[in-house]
Amino acid sequence: MWYLKFKLRHRDCIFAPLVKKYNLSIEFFPLRHEMKGKNLYTSALHVTKGDEKDIKKYLKDLKKNPRVIEMEVSKEIIFTLTKEETDKESYEAIYNTKILYITPGYNTPDGYEGWEV
């Protein structure tokens, strides 16, 4: 069995630019995903770490994003339901059932997203 740890920066990410803007750290746990036509719907839990004032600003900005369909907040835990346009090949690569994500994903204050598979 192999193990891969990687960091990436994708500029169209809903979360990473705001995490960087407010100097936060987030661990996220993808829960469910569904492809409908060209739209990918995903739900996730996010554990937010940082200054309380910055977290409030982050949440305010996040609510303004039209790709965030639903958001529920309980202290530092955030539930999100998002909608993004994507193609089937990208969807199948990310949500391949043969890949096991062994830790939560994370966003760092420098604007990167990390995964371990």
PDB file of N, CA and C in Angstrom:
ATOM      1  N   MET A   1       0.843  -1.175   0.000  1.00  0.00           N
ATOM      2  CA  MET A   1       0.000   0.000   0.000  1.00  0.00           C
ATOM      3  C   MET A   1       0.888   1.237   0.000  1.00  0.00           C
ATOM      4  N   TRP A   2       0.474   2.265  -0.680  1.00  0.00           N
ATOM      5  CA  TRP A   2       1.242   3.503  -0.743  1.00  0.00           C
ATOM      6  C   TRP A   2       0.542   4.604   0.036  1.00  0.00           C
ATOM      7  N   TYR A   3       1.271   5.681   0.279  1.00  0.00           N
ATOM      8  CA  TYR A   3       0.792   6.808   1.064  1.00  0.00           C
ATOM      9  C   TYR A   3       1.253   8.077   0.366  1.00  0.00           C
ATOM     10  N   LEU A   4       0.362   9.038   0.229  1.00  0.00           N
ATOM     11  CA  LEU A   4       0.701  10.296  -0.433  1.00  0.00           C
ATOM     12  C   LEU A   4       0.205  11.455   0.412  1.00  0.00           C
ATOM     13  N   LYS A   5       1.091  12.388   0.658  1.00  0.00           N
ATOM     14  CA  LYS A   5       0.735  13.619   1.362  1.00  0.00           C
ATOM     15  C   LYS A   5       1.049  14.760   0.402  1.00  0.00           C
ATOM     16  N   PHE A   6       0.055  15.615   0.148  1.00  0.00           N
ATOM     17  CA  PHE A   6       0.301  16.696  -0.796  1.00  0.00           C
ATOM     18  C   PHE A   6      -0.428  17.972  -0.410  1.00  0.00           C
ATOM     19  N   LYS A   7       0.150  19.089  -0.875  1.00  0.00           N
ATOM     20  CA  LYS A   7      -0.440  20.411  -0.695  1.00  0.00           C
ATOM     21  C   LYS A   7      -0.657  21.012  -2.069  1.00  0.00           C
ATOM     22  N   LEU A   8      -1.726  21.765  -2.195  1.00  0.00           N
ATOM     23  CA  LEU A   8      -2.000  22.423  -3.463  1.00  0.00           C
ATOM     24  C   LEU A   8      -2.664  23.759  -3.216  1.00  0.00           C
ATOM     25  N   ARG A   9      -2.655  24.577  -4.235  1.00  0.00           N
ATOM     26  CA  ARG A   9      -3.349  25.855  -4.178  1.00  0.00           C
ATOM     27  C   ARG A   9      -4.221  25.926  -5.423  1.00  0.00           C
ATOM     28  N   HIS A  10      -5.518  25.903  -5.207  1.00  0.00           N
ATOM     29  CA  HIS A  10      -6.399  26.096  -6.357  1.00  0.00           C
ATOM     30  C   HIS A  10      -7.182  27.379  -6.150  1.00  0.00           C
ATOM     31  N   ARG A  11      -7.037  28.267  -7.086  1.00  0.00           N
ATOM     32  CA  ARG A  11      -7.536  29.622  -6.948  1.00  0.00           C
ATOM     33  C   ARG A  11      -9.058  29.731  -6.949  1.00  0.00           C
ATOM     34  N   ASP A  12      -9.740  28.712  -7.443  1.00  0.00           N
ATOM     35  CA  ASP A  12     -11.198  28.775  -7.461  1.00  0.00           C
ATOM     36  C   ASP A  12     -11.821  28.158  -6.208  1.00  0.00           C
ATOM     37  N   CYS A  13     -11.014  27.861  -5.209  1.00  0.00           N
ATOM     38  CA  CYS A  13     -11.501  27.275  -3.955  1.00  0.00           C
ATOM     39  C   CYS A  13     -12.383  28.287  -3.219  1.00  0.00           C
ATOM     40  N   ILE A  14     -13.470  27.816  -2.669  1.00  0.00           N
ATOM     41  CA  ILE A  14     -14.360  28.672  -1.891  1.00  0.00           C
ATOM     42  C   ILE A  14     -13.682  29.100  -0.589  1.00  0.00           C
ATOM     43  N   PHE A  15     -12.960  28.203   0.046  1.00  0.00           N
ATOM     44  CA  PHE A  15     -12.499  28.403   1.415  1.00  0.00           C
ATOM     45  C   PHE A  15     -11.077  28.945   1.544  1.00  0.00           C
ATOM     46  N   ALA A  16     -10.121  28.394   0.809  1.00  0.00           N
ATOM     47  CA  ALA A  16      -8.698  28.711   1.015  1.00  0.00           C
ATOM     48  C   ALA A  16      -8.364  30.204   0.943  1.00  0.00           C
ATOM     49  N   PRO A  17      -8.880  30.965  -0.034  1.00  0.00           N
ATOM     50  CA  PRO A  17      -8.536  32.396  -0.065  1.00  0.00           C
ATOM     51  C   PRO A  17      -9.006  33.152   1.185  1.00  0.00           C
ATOM     52  N   LEU A  18     -10.170  32.773   1.711  1.00  0.00           N
ATOM     53  CA  LEU A  18     -10.672  33.433   2.924  1.00  0.00           C
ATOM     54  C   LEU A  18      -9.893  32.990   4.159  1.00  0.00           C
ATOM     55  N   VAL A  19      -9.485  31.730   4.192  1.00  0.00           N
ATOM     56  CA  VAL A  19      -8.649  31.240   5.294  1.00  0.00           C
ATOM     57  C   VAL A  19      -7.350  32.043   5.329  1.00  0.00           C
ATOM     58  N   LYS A  20      -6.773  32.271   4.161  1.00  0.00           N
ATOM     59  CA  LYS A  20      -5.542  33.067   4.075  1.00  0.00           C
ATOM     60  C   LYS A  20      -5.810  34.518   4.481  1.00  0.00           C
ATOM     61  N   LYS A  21      -6.884  35.094   3.962  1.00  0.00           N
ATOM     62  CA  LYS A  21      -7.225  36.496   4.243  1.00  0.00           C
ATOM     63  C   LYS A  21      -7.339  36.755   5.744  1.00  0.00           C
ATOM     64  N   TYR A  22      -7.922  35.812   6.474  1.00  0.00           N
ATOM     65  CA  TYR A  22      -8.160  35.998   7.905  1.00  0.00           C
ATOM     66  C   TYR A  22      -7.178  35.232   8.793  1.00  0.00           C
ATOM     67  N   ASN A  23      -6.116  34.700   8.193  1.00  0.00           N
ATOM     68  CA  ASN A  23      -5.041  34.031   8.934  1.00  0.00           C
ATOM     69  C   ASN A  23      -5.575  32.918   9.843  1.00  0.00           C
ATOM     70  N   LEU A  24      -6.399  32.054   9.272  1.00  0.00           N
ATOM     71  CA  LEU A  24      -7.005  30.955  10.013  1.00  0.00           C
ATOM     72  C   LEU A  24      -6.379  29.629   9.601  1.00  0.00           C
ATOM     73  N   SER A  25      -6.722  28.590  10.320  1.00  0.00           N
ATOM     74  CA  SER A  25      -6.409  27.209   9.951  1.00  0.00           C
ATOM     75  C   SER A  25      -7.708  26.427  10.032  1.00  0.00           C
ATOM     76  N   ILE A  26      -7.912  25.523   9.084  1.00  0.00           N
ATOM     77  CA  ILE A  26      -9.143  24.738   9.065  1.00  0.00           C
ATOM     78  C   ILE A  26      -8.812  23.291   8.749  1.00  0.00           C
ATOM     79  N   GLU A  27      -9.419  22.393   9.492  1.00  0.00           N
ATOM     80  CA  GLU A  27      -9.445  20.973   9.130  1.00  0.00           C
ATOM     81  C   GLU A  27     -10.856  20.694   8.649  1.00  0.00           C
ATOM     82  N   PHE A  28     -10.975  19.971   7.541  1.00  0.00           N
ATOM     83  CA  PHE A  28     -12.324  19.702   7.030  1.00  0.00           C
ATOM     84  C   PHE A  28     -12.507  18.220   6.754  1.00  0.00           C
ATOM     85  N   PHE A  29     -13.733  17.809   6.936  1.00  0.00           N
ATOM     86  CA  PHE A  29     -14.125  16.414   6.798  1.00  0.00           C
ATOM     87  C   PHE A  29     -15.231  16.324   5.754  1.00  0.00           C
ATOM     88  N   PRO A  30     -14.928  15.939   4.516  1.00  0.00           N
ATOM     89  CA  PRO A  30     -15.984  15.771   3.514  1.00  0.00           C
ATOM     90  C   PRO A  30     -16.972  14.697   3.983  1.00  0.00           C
ATOM     91  N   LEU A  31     -18.253  14.974   3.835  1.00  0.00           N
ATOM     92  CA  LEU A  31     -19.280  14.044   4.289  1.00  0.00           C
ATOM     93  C   LEU A  31     -19.967  13.323   3.137  1.00  0.00           C
ATOM     94  N   ARG A  32     -20.441  14.094   2.175  1.00  0.00           N
ATOM     95  CA  ARG A  32     -21.223  13.502   1.084  1.00  0.00           C
ATOM     96  C   ARG A  32     -20.989  14.308  -0.186  1.00  0.00           C
ATOM     97  N   HIS A  33     -21.175  13.674  -1.307  1.00  0.00           N
ATOM     98  CA  HIS A  33     -21.051  14.362  -2.588  1.00  0.00           C
ATOM     99  C   HIS A  33     -22.022  13.737  -3.578  1.00  0.00           C
ATOM    100  N   GLU A  34     -22.461  14.565  -4.515  1.00  0.00           N
ATOM    101  CA  GLU A  34     -23.373  14.082  -5.545  1.00  0.00           C
ATOM    102  C   GLU A  34     -23.208  14.942  -6.791  1.00  0.00           C
ATOM    103  N   MET A  35     -23.130  14.289  -7.922  1.00  0.00           N
ATOM    104  CA  MET A  35     -23.020  14.977  -9.201  1.00  0.00           C
ATOM    105  C   MET A  35     -24.411  15.030  -9.820  1.00  0.00           C
ATOM    106  N   LYS A  36     -24.865  16.236 -10.173  1.00  0.00           N
ATOM    107  CA  LYS A  36     -26.138  16.426 -10.872  1.00  0.00           C
ATOM    108  C   LYS A  36     -25.850  17.287 -12.090  1.00  0.00           C
ATOM    109  N   GLY A  37     -25.882  16.662 -13.262  1.00  0.00           N
ATOM    110  CA  GLY A  37     -25.527  17.397 -14.475  1.00  0.00           C
ATOM    111  C   GLY A  37     -24.082  17.835 -14.398  1.00  0.00           C
ATOM    112  N   LYS A  38     -23.840  19.140 -14.549  1.00  0.00           N
ATOM    113  CA  LYS A  38     -22.478  19.680 -14.464  1.00  0.00           C
ATOM    114  C   LYS A  38     -22.171  20.240 -13.079  1.00  0.00           C
ATOM    115  N   ASN A  39     -23.071  20.014 -12.132  1.00  0.00           N
ATOM    116  CA  ASN A  39     -22.880  20.562 -10.794  1.00  0.00           C
ATOM    117  C   ASN A  39     -22.522  19.473  -9.791  1.00  0.00           C
ATOM    118  N   LEU A  40     -21.540  19.786  -8.973  1.00  0.00           N
ATOM    119  CA  LEU A  40     -21.122  18.906  -7.891  1.00  0.00           C
ATOM    120  C   LEU A  40     -21.591  19.523  -6.576  1.00  0.00           C
ATOM    121  N   TYR A  41     -22.359  18.770  -5.821  1.00  0.00           N
ATOM    122  CA  TYR A  41     -22.826  19.201  -4.504  1.00  0.00           C
ATOM    123  C   TYR A  41     -22.005  18.450  -3.461  1.00  0.00           C
ATOM    124  N   THR A  42     -21.432  19.174  -2.518  1.00  0.00           N
ATOM    125  CA  THR A  42     -20.639  18.539  -1.470  1.00  0.00           C
ATOM    126  C   THR A  42     -21.052  19.090  -0.111  1.00  0.00           C
ATOM    127  N   SER A  43     -21.013  18.220   0.875  1.00  0.00           N
ATOM    128  CA  SER A  43     -21.222  18.669   2.252  1.00  0.00           C
ATOM    129  C   SER A  43     -19.972  18.313   3.045  1.00  0.00           C
ATOM    130  N   ALA A  44     -19.674  19.151   4.028  1.00  0.00           N
ATOM    131  CA  ALA A  44     -18.464  18.942   4.823  1.00  0.00           C
ATOM    132  C   ALA A  44     -18.602  19.611   6.181  1.00  0.00           C
ATOM    133  N   LEU A  45     -17.828  19.104   7.126  1.00  0.00           N
ATOM    134  CA  LEU A  45     -17.662  19.750   8.426  1.00  0.00           C
ATOM    135  C   LEU A  45     -16.282  20.386   8.450  1.00  0.00           C
ATOM    136  N   HIS A  46     -16.209  21.598   8.982  1.00  0.00           N
ATOM    137  CA  HIS A  46     -14.955  22.340   9.064  1.00  0.00           C
ATOM    138  C   HIS A  46     -14.707  22.690  10.529  1.00  0.00           C
ATOM    139  N   VAL A  47     -13.513  22.442  11.005  1.00  0.00           N
ATOM    140  CA  VAL A  47     -13.107  22.864  12.345  1.00  0.00           C
ATOM    141  C   VAL A  47     -12.185  24.062  12.152  1.00  0.00           C
ATOM    142  N   THR A  48     -12.631  25.216  12.623  1.00  0.00           N
ATOM    143  CA  THR A  48     -11.938  26.473  12.373  1.00  0.00           C
ATOM    144  C   THR A  48     -11.103  26.871  13.582  1.00  0.00           C
ATOM    145  N   LYS A  49      -9.845  27.255  13.318  1.00  0.00           N
ATOM    146  CA  LYS A  49      -8.940  27.673  14.394  1.00  0.00           C
ATOM    147  C   LYS A  49      -8.386  29.049  14.056  1.00  0.00           C
ATOM    148  N   GLY A  50      -8.415  29.932  15.045  1.00  0.00           N
ATOM    149  CA  GLY A  50      -7.900  31.278  14.849  1.00  0.00           C
ATOM    150  C   GLY A  50      -8.558  32.245  15.814  1.00  0.00           C
ATOM    151  N   ASP A  51      -8.278  33.523  15.630  1.00  0.00           N
ATOM    152  CA  ASP A  51      -8.848  34.570  16.463  1.00  0.00           C
ATOM    153  C   ASP A  51     -10.365  34.641  16.244  1.00  0.00           C
ATOM    154  N   GLU A  52     -11.112  34.759  17.328  1.00  0.00           N
ATOM    155  CA  GLU A  52     -12.577  34.745  17.248  1.00  0.00           C
ATOM    156  C   GLU A  52     -13.123  35.842  16.328  1.00  0.00           C
ATOM    157  N   LYS A  53     -12.530  37.037  16.378  1.00  0.00           N
ATOM    158  CA  LYS A  53     -12.979  38.136  15.508  1.00  0.00           C
ATOM    159  C   LYS A  53     -12.746  37.791  14.042  1.00  0.00           C
ATOM    160  N   ASP A  54     -11.611  37.172  13.753  1.00  0.00           N
ATOM    161  CA  ASP A  54     -11.304  36.790  12.373  1.00  0.00           C
ATOM    162  C   ASP A  54     -12.227  35.677  11.889  1.00  0.00           C
ATOM    163  N   ILE A  55     -12.582  34.763  12.774  1.00  0.00           N
ATOM    164  CA  ILE A  55     -13.512  33.691  12.397  1.00  0.00           C
ATOM    165  C   ILE A  55     -14.868  34.285  12.039  1.00  0.00           C
ATOM    166  N   LYS A  56     -15.330  35.268  12.803  1.00  0.00           N
ATOM    167  CA  LYS A  56     -16.616  35.919  12.508  1.00  0.00           C
ATOM    168  C   LYS A  56     -16.580  36.616  11.150  1.00  0.00           C
ATOM    169  N   LYS A  57     -15.472  37.283  10.840  1.00  0.00           N
ATOM    170  CA  LYS A  57     -15.329  37.937   9.535  1.00  0.00           C
ATOM    171  C   LYS A  57     -15.308  36.900   8.412  1.00  0.00           C
ATOM    172  N   TYR A  58     -14.615  35.807   8.654  1.00  0.00           N
ATOM    173  CA  TYR A  58     -14.550  34.705   7.690  1.00  0.00           C
ATOM    174  C   TYR A  58     -15.954  34.181   7.387  1.00  0.00           C
ATOM    175  N   LEU A  59     -16.734  33.938   8.433  1.00  0.00           N
ATOM    176  CA  LEU A  59     -18.092  33.420   8.255  1.00  0.00           C
ATOM    177  C   LEU A  59     -18.969  34.408   7.491  1.00  0.00           C
ATOM    178  N   LYS A  60     -18.818  35.680   7.788  1.00  0.00           N
ATOM    179  CA  LYS A  60     -19.599  36.715   7.096  1.00  0.00           C
ATOM    180  C   LYS A  60     -19.288  36.707   5.600  1.00  0.00           C
ATOM    181  N   ASP A  61     -18.001  36.629   5.260  1.00  0.00           N
ATOM    182  CA  ASP A  61     -17.603  36.574   3.848  1.00  0.00           C
ATOM    183  C   ASP A  61     -18.061  35.276   3.185  1.00  0.00           C
ATOM    184  N   LEU A  62     -17.958  34.184   3.903  1.00  0.00           N
ATOM    185  CA  LEU A  62     -18.344  32.882   3.358  1.00  0.00           C
ATOM    186  C   LEU A  62     -19.827  32.858   2.989  1.00  0.00           C
ATOM    187  N   LYS A  63     -20.660  33.462   3.824  1.00  0.00           N
ATOM    188  CA  LYS A  63     -22.105  33.508   3.570  1.00  0.00           C
ATOM    189  C   LYS A  63     -22.443  34.257   2.288  1.00  0.00           C
ATOM    190  N   LYS A  64     -21.581  35.177   1.881  1.00  0.00           N
ATOM    191  CA  LYS A  64     -21.817  35.970   0.666  1.00  0.00           C
ATOM    192  C   LYS A  64     -21.562  35.179  -0.618  1.00  0.00           C
ATOM    193  N   ASN A  65     -20.844  34.069  -0.523  1.00  0.00           N
ATOM    194  CA  ASN A  65     -20.477  33.302  -1.714  1.00  0.00           C
ATOM    195  C   ASN A  65     -21.695  32.534  -2.226  1.00  0.00           C
ATOM    196  N   PRO A  66     -22.090  32.762  -3.483  1.00  0.00           N
ATOM    197  CA  PRO A  66     -23.279  32.082  -4.015  1.00  0.00           C
ATOM    198  C   PRO A  66     -23.117  30.569  -4.150  1.00  0.00           C
ATOM    199  N   ARG A  67     -21.887  30.063  -4.098  1.00  0.00           N
ATOM    200  CA  ARG A  67     -21.677  28.614  -4.176  1.00  0.00           C
ATOM    201  C   ARG A  67     -21.943  27.920  -2.840  1.00  0.00           C
ATOM    202  N   VAL A  68     -22.046  28.696  -1.771  1.00  0.00           N
ATOM    203  CA  VAL A  68     -22.388  28.139  -0.458  1.00  0.00           C
ATOM    204  C   VAL A  68     -23.909  28.152  -0.349  1.00  0.00           C
ATOM    205  N   ILE A  69     -24.507  26.978  -0.473  1.00  0.00           N
ATOM    206  CA  ILE A  69     -25.963  26.851  -0.470  1.00  0.00           C
ATOM    207  C   ILE A  69     -26.509  26.872   0.951  1.00  0.00           C
ATOM    208  N   GLU A  70     -25.814  26.212   1.848  1.00  0.00           N
ATOM    209  CA  GLU A  70     -26.265  26.128   3.238  1.00  0.00           C
ATOM    210  C   GLU A  70     -25.055  26.144   4.148  1.00  0.00           C
ATOM    211  N   MET A  71     -25.217  26.788   5.306  1.00  0.00           N
ATOM    212  CA  MET A  71     -24.135  26.837   6.277  1.00  0.00           C
ATOM    213  C   MET A  71     -24.745  26.888   7.675  1.00  0.00           C
ATOM    214  N   GLU A  72     -24.270  26.018   8.541  1.00  0.00           N
ATOM    215  CA  GLU A  72     -24.682  26.018   9.944  1.00  0.00           C
ATOM    216  C   GLU A  72     -23.425  26.106  10.795  1.00  0.00           C
ATOM    217  N   VAL A  73     -23.493  26.916  11.851  1.00  0.00           N
ATOM    218  CA  VAL A  73     -22.318  27.174  12.678  1.00  0.00           C
ATOM    219  C   VAL A  73     -22.628  26.850  14.137  1.00  0.00           C
ATOM    220  N   SER A  74     -21.720  26.126  14.771  1.00  0.00           N
ATOM    221  CA  SER A  74     -21.786  25.859  16.206  1.00  0.00           C
ATOM    222  C   SER A  74     -20.377  26.047  16.767  1.00  0.00           C
ATOM    223  N   LYS A  75     -20.147  27.220  17.330  1.00  0.00           N
ATOM    224  CA  LYS A  75     -18.824  27.616  17.827  1.00  0.00           C
ATOM    225  C   LYS A  75     -17.811  27.538  16.691  1.00  0.00           C
ATOM    226  N   GLU A  76     -16.782  26.685  16.819  1.00  0.00           N
ATOM    227  CA  GLU A  76     -15.758  26.615  15.760  1.00  0.00           C
ATOM    228  C   GLU A  76     -16.061  25.555  14.705  1.00  0.00           C
ATOM    229  N   ILE A  77     -17.201  24.876  14.822  1.00  0.00           N
ATOM    230  CA  ILE A  77     -17.587  23.839  13.861  1.00  0.00           C
ATOM    231  C   ILE A  77     -18.561  24.428  12.846  1.00  0.00           C
ATOM    232  N   ILE A  78     -18.257  24.229  11.575  1.00  0.00           N
ATOM    233  CA  ILE A  78     -19.097  24.759  10.501  1.00  0.00           C
ATOM    234  C   ILE A  78     -19.508  23.608   9.592  1.00  0.00           C
ATOM    235  N   PHE A  79     -20.787  23.523   9.298  1.00  0.00           N
ATOM    236  CA  PHE A  79     -21.296  22.581   8.297  1.00  0.00           C
ATOM    237  C   PHE A  79     -21.569  23.379   7.038  1.00  0.00           C
ATOM    238  N   THR A  80     -21.110  22.882   5.889  1.00  0.00           N
ATOM    239  CA  THR A  80     -21.395  23.565   4.625  1.00  0.00           C
ATOM    240  C   THR A  80     -21.959  22.594   3.603  1.00  0.00           C
ATOM    241  N   LEU A  81     -22.836  23.131   2.786  1.00  0.00           N
ATOM    242  CA  LEU A  81     -23.307  22.457   1.580  1.00  0.00           C
ATOM    243  C   LEU A  81     -22.979  23.406   0.444  1.00  0.00           C
ATOM    244  N   THR A  82     -22.180  22.927  -0.504  1.00  0.00           N
ATOM    245  CA  THR A  82     -21.745  23.787  -1.599  1.00  0.00           C
ATOM    246  C   THR A  82     -22.131  23.195  -2.947  1.00  0.00           C
ATOM    247  N   LYS A  83     -22.171  24.076  -3.930  1.00  0.00           N
ATOM    248  CA  LYS A  83     -22.489  23.687  -5.307  1.00  0.00           C
ATOM    249  C   LYS A  83     -21.415  24.293  -6.204  1.00  0.00           C
ATOM    250  N   GLU A  84     -20.758  23.425  -6.977  1.00  0.00           N
ATOM    251  CA  GLU A  84     -19.719  23.895  -7.886  1.00  0.00           C
ATOM    252  C   GLU A  84     -19.899  23.251  -9.242  1.00  0.00           C
ATOM    253  N   GLU A  85     -19.629  24.013 -10.272  1.00  0.00           N
ATOM    254  CA  GLU A  85     -19.676  23.455 -11.622  1.00  0.00           C
ATOM    255  C   GLU A  85     -18.363  22.720 -11.875  1.00  0.00           C
ATOM    256  N   THR A  86     -18.464  21.506 -12.388  1.00  0.00           N
ATOM    257  CA  THR A  86     -17.262  20.714 -12.660  1.00  0.00           C
ATOM    258  C   THR A  86     -17.558  19.720 -13.774  1.00  0.00           C
ATOM    259  N   ASP A  87     -16.524  19.096 -14.276  1.00  0.00           N
ATOM    260  CA  ASP A  87     -16.723  18.050 -15.278  1.00  0.00           C
ATOM    261  C   ASP A  87     -16.634  16.686 -14.599  1.00  0.00           C
ATOM    262  N   LYS A  88     -17.151  15.679 -15.257  1.00  0.00           N
ATOM    263  CA  LYS A  88     -17.228  14.342 -14.667  1.00  0.00           C
ATOM    264  C   LYS A  88     -15.843  13.765 -14.354  1.00  0.00           C
ATOM    265  N   GLU A  89     -14.853  14.027 -15.202  1.00  0.00           N
ATOM    266  CA  GLU A  89     -13.516  13.474 -14.984  1.00  0.00           C
ATOM    267  C   GLU A  89     -12.878  14.022 -13.708  1.00  0.00           C
ATOM    268  N   SER A  90     -13.014  15.325 -13.471  1.00  0.00           N
ATOM    269  CA  SER A  90     -12.469  15.910 -12.239  1.00  0.00           C
ATOM    270  C   SER A  90     -13.169  15.338 -11.024  1.00  0.00           C
ATOM    271  N   TYR A  91     -14.470  15.225 -11.111  1.00  0.00           N
ATOM    272  CA  TYR A  91     -15.274  14.674 -10.019  1.00  0.00           C
ATOM    273  C   TYR A  91     -14.826  13.256  -9.678  1.00  0.00           C
ATOM    274  N   GLU A  92     -14.674  12.421 -10.699  1.00  0.00           N
ATOM    275  CA  GLU A  92     -14.290  11.026 -10.465  1.00  0.00           C
ATOM    276  C   GLU A  92     -12.874  10.905  -9.912  1.00  0.00           C
ATOM    277  N   ALA A  93     -11.992  11.823 -10.269  1.00  0.00           N
ATOM    278  CA  ALA A  93     -10.623  11.780  -9.749  1.00  0.00           C
ATOM    279  C   ALA A  93     -10.587  12.125  -8.261  1.00  0.00           C
ATOM    280  N   ILE A  94     -11.346  13.118  -7.864  1.00  0.00           N
ATOM    281  CA  ILE A  94     -11.342  13.561  -6.469  1.00  0.00           C
ATOM    282  C   ILE A  94     -12.116  12.604  -5.575  1.00  0.00           C
ATOM    283  N   TYR A  95     -13.257  12.140  -6.054  1.00  0.00           N
ATOM    284  CA  TYR A  95     -14.138  11.311  -5.229  1.00  0.00           C
ATOM    285  C   TYR A  95     -14.102   9.845  -5.647  1.00  0.00           C
ATOM    286  N   ASN A  96     -12.935   9.367  -5.979  1.00  0.00           N
ATOM    287  CA  ASN A  96     -12.736   7.977  -6.357  1.00  0.00           C
ATOM    288  C   ASN A  96     -12.903   7.091  -5.120  1.00  0.00           C
ATOM    289  N   THR A  97     -13.781   6.105  -5.207  1.00  0.00           N
ATOM    290  CA  THR A  97     -14.046   5.239  -4.051  1.00  0.00           C
ATOM    291  C   THR A  97     -12.859   4.336  -3.703  1.00  0.00           C
ATOM    292  N   LYS A  98     -11.871   4.247  -4.578  1.00  0.00           N
ATOM    293  CA  LYS A  98     -10.691   3.427  -4.303  1.00  0.00           C
ATOM    294  C   LYS A  98      -9.627   4.185  -3.501  1.00  0.00           C
ATOM    295  N   ILE A  99      -9.835   5.474  -3.323  1.00  0.00           N
ATOM    296  CA  ILE A  99      -8.883   6.288  -2.566  1.00  0.00           C
ATOM    297  C   ILE A  99      -9.407   6.459  -1.148  1.00  0.00           C
ATOM    298  N   LEU A 100      -8.540   6.207  -0.183  1.00  0.00           N
ATOM    299  CA  LEU A 100      -8.890   6.357   1.225  1.00  0.00           C
ATOM    300  C   LEU A 100      -8.202   7.610   1.765  1.00  0.00           C
ATOM    301  N   TYR A 101      -8.988   8.567   2.207  1.00  0.00           N
ATOM    302  CA  TYR A 101      -8.444   9.775   2.826  1.00  0.00           C
ATOM    303  C   TYR A 101      -8.228   9.459   4.304  1.00  0.00           C
ATOM    304  N   ILE A 102      -6.960   9.420   4.734  1.00  0.00           N
ATOM    305  CA  ILE A 102      -6.650   8.912   6.068  1.00  0.00           C
ATOM    306  C   ILE A 102      -6.638   9.984   7.154  1.00  0.00           C
ATOM    307  N   THR A 103      -6.647  11.239   6.773  1.00  0.00           N
ATOM    308  CA  THR A 103      -6.742  12.339   7.737  1.00  0.00           C
ATOM    309  C   THR A 103      -7.708  13.366   7.166  1.00  0.00           C
ATOM    310  N   PRO A 104      -8.157  14.297   7.991  1.00  0.00           N
ATOM    311  CA  PRO A 104      -8.981  15.375   7.431  1.00  0.00           C
ATOM    312  C   PRO A 104      -8.154  16.194   6.446  1.00  0.00           C
ATOM    313  N   GLY A 105      -8.828  16.815   5.504  1.00  0.00           N
ATOM    314  CA  GLY A 105      -8.145  17.796   4.668  1.00  0.00           C
ATOM    315  C   GLY A 105      -7.892  19.037   5.512  1.00  0.00           C
ATOM    316  N   TYR A 106      -7.037  19.924   5.040  1.00  0.00           N
ATOM    317  CA  TYR A 106      -6.781  21.133   5.817  1.00  0.00           C
ATOM    318  C   TYR A 106      -6.457  22.309   4.906  1.00  0.00           C
ATOM    319  N   ASN A 107      -6.815  23.502   5.381  1.00  0.00           N
ATOM    320  CA  ASN A 107      -6.439  24.759   4.749  1.00  0.00           C
ATOM    321  C   ASN A 107      -5.538  25.492   5.727  1.00  0.00           C
ATOM    322  N   THR A 108      -4.458  26.066   5.206  1.00  0.00           N
ATOM    323  CA  THR A 108      -3.469  26.728   6.051  1.00  0.00           C
ATOM    324  C   THR A 108      -3.501  28.239   5.836  1.00  0.00           C
ATOM    325  N   PRO A 109      -2.969  29.007   6.796  1.00  0.00           N
ATOM    326  CA  PRO A 109      -2.971  30.461   6.677  1.00  0.00           C
ATOM    327  C   PRO A 109      -2.218  30.991   5.456  1.00  0.00           C
ATOM    328  N   ASP A 110      -1.359  30.176   4.848  1.00  0.00           N
ATOM    329  CA  ASP A 110      -0.634  30.627   3.653  1.00  0.00           C
ATOM    330  C   ASP A 110      -1.403  30.351   2.362  1.00  0.00           C
ATOM    331  N   GLY A 111      -2.656  29.871   2.468  1.00  0.00           N
ATOM    332  CA  GLY A 111      -3.512  29.707   1.297  1.00  0.00           C
ATOM    333  C   GLY A 111      -3.485  28.343   0.646  1.00  0.00           C
ATOM    334  N   TYR A 112      -2.839  27.380   1.274  1.00  0.00           N
ATOM    335  CA  TYR A 112      -2.760  26.042   0.693  1.00  0.00           C
ATOM    336  C   TYR A 112      -3.820  25.117   1.271  1.00  0.00           C
ATOM    337  N   GLU A 113      -4.103  24.070   0.514  1.00  0.00           N
ATOM    338  CA  GLU A 113      -4.976  22.988   0.951  1.00  0.00           C
ATOM    339  C   GLU A 113      -4.141  21.721   0.966  1.00  0.00           C
ATOM    340  N   GLY A 114      -4.326  20.894   1.978  1.00  0.00           N
ATOM    341  CA  GLY A 114      -3.543  19.670   2.080  1.00  0.00           C
ATOM    342  C   GLY A 114      -4.418  18.449   2.236  1.00  0.00           C
ATOM    343  N   TRP A 115      -3.900  17.331   1.739  1.00  0.00           N
ATOM    344  CA  TRP A 115      -4.595  16.040   1.812  1.00  0.00           C
ATOM    345  C   TRP A 115      -3.577  14.948   2.086  1.00  0.00           C
ATOM    346  N   GLU A 116      -4.035  13.879   2.717  1.00  0.00           N
ATOM    347  CA  GLU A 116      -3.232  12.671   2.882  1.00  0.00           C
ATOM    348  C   GLU A 116      -4.100  11.499   2.456  1.00  0.00           C
ATOM    349  N   VAL A 117      -3.590  10.752   1.472  1.00  0.00           N
ATOM    350  CA  VAL A 117      -4.352   9.604   0.944  1.00  0.00           C
ATOM    351  C   VAL A 117      -3.486   8.357   0.961  1.00  0.00           C
TER     352      VAL A 117
END
